[in-house]
Amino acid sequence: MNFKFILFAFLFVLFGYSASATSWTASYLAFEDNWRDFLVVTPQYKKAENGLIAVMDVEQLLV
């Protein structure tokens, strides 16, 4: 078979597996009690006085 076809088929299967595994894992995040501990946006984040996560510094720059 052609090398490009084999490479395409392999990458297609790899992408499909990684996309489905990521969506499957992320769908269960809402059921966790401590879901905020799993958030990774920036190395440091600020918490407001009421305990909620405040807007990230990076997000303020992007808007």
Protein backbone atom coordinates (compact mmCIF):
# COMPACT_ATOMS: atom_id res chain seq x y z
CA MET A 1 0.00 0.00 0.00
CA ASN A 2 0.94 3.58 -0.34
CA PHE A 3 2.91 5.04 2.59
CA LYS A 4 0.85 8.25 2.63
CA PHE A 5 -2.39 6.29 2.94
CA ILE A 6 -1.05 4.23 5.83
CA LEU A 7 0.19 7.36 7.57
CA PHE A 8 -3.17 9.08 7.02
CA ALA A 9 -5.09 6.08 8.35
CA PHE A 10 -2.87 5.85 11.43
CA LEU A 11 -3.16 9.56 12.20
CA PHE A 12 -6.92 9.48 11.63
CA VAL A 13 -7.37 6.62 14.09
CA LEU A 14 -5.05 8.30 16.59
CA PHE A 15 -6.98 11.57 16.34
CA GLY A 16 -10.32 9.80 16.73
CA TYR A 17 -9.14 7.91 19.79
CA SER A 18 -7.64 10.98 21.48
CA ALA A 19 -10.70 13.14 20.75
CA SER A 20 -13.12 10.56 22.10
CA ALA A 21 -10.98 9.86 25.18
CA THR A 22 -10.72 13.57 25.95
CA SER A 23 -14.44 14.21 25.56
CA TRP A 24 -15.30 11.12 27.61
CA THR A 25 -13.03 12.24 30.44
CA ALA A 26 -14.21 15.85 30.34
CA SER A 27 -17.86 14.81 30.45
CA TYR A 28 -17.34 13.29 33.91
CA LEU A 29 -15.69 16.44 35.29
CA ALA A 30 -19.07 17.95 36.17
CA PHE A 31 -19.78 15.08 38.58
CA GLU A 32 -16.68 15.75 40.68
CA ASP A 33 -17.18 17.63 43.93
CA ASN A 34 -13.78 19.29 43.68
CA TRP A 35 -13.90 20.13 39.97
CA ARG A 36 -12.14 23.46 40.54
CA ASP A 37 -9.00 21.60 41.59
CA PHE A 38 -8.77 20.13 38.09
CA LEU A 39 -8.81 23.49 36.28
CA VAL A 40 -5.51 24.36 34.67
CA VAL A 41 -5.55 27.68 32.85
CA THR A 42 -2.56 29.52 34.22
CA PRO A 43 0.03 28.52 36.84
CA GLN A 44 -1.51 30.86 39.39
CA TYR A 45 -5.10 31.94 39.75
CA LYS A 46 -6.79 34.33 42.12
CA LYS A 47 -9.72 33.52 44.35
CA ALA A 48 -12.32 36.12 45.16
CA GLU A 49 -13.53 36.76 48.69
CA ASN A 50 -16.52 34.49 48.19
CA GLY A 51 -14.31 31.56 47.20
CA LEU A 52 -15.06 31.65 43.47
CA ILE A 53 -12.26 31.79 40.97
CA ALA A 54 -11.76 35.32 39.72
CA VAL A 55 -11.03 36.21 36.10
CA MET A 56 -7.55 35.16 35.08
CA ASP A 57 -4.94 37.77 34.20
CA VAL A 58 -4.48 36.15 30.80
CA GLU A 59 -8.19 36.35 30.05
CA GLN A 60 -8.18 40.05 30.95
CA LEU A 61 -5.45 40.62 28.36
CA LEU A 62 -7.29 38.68 25.66
CA VAL A 63 -10.57 40.56 25.99
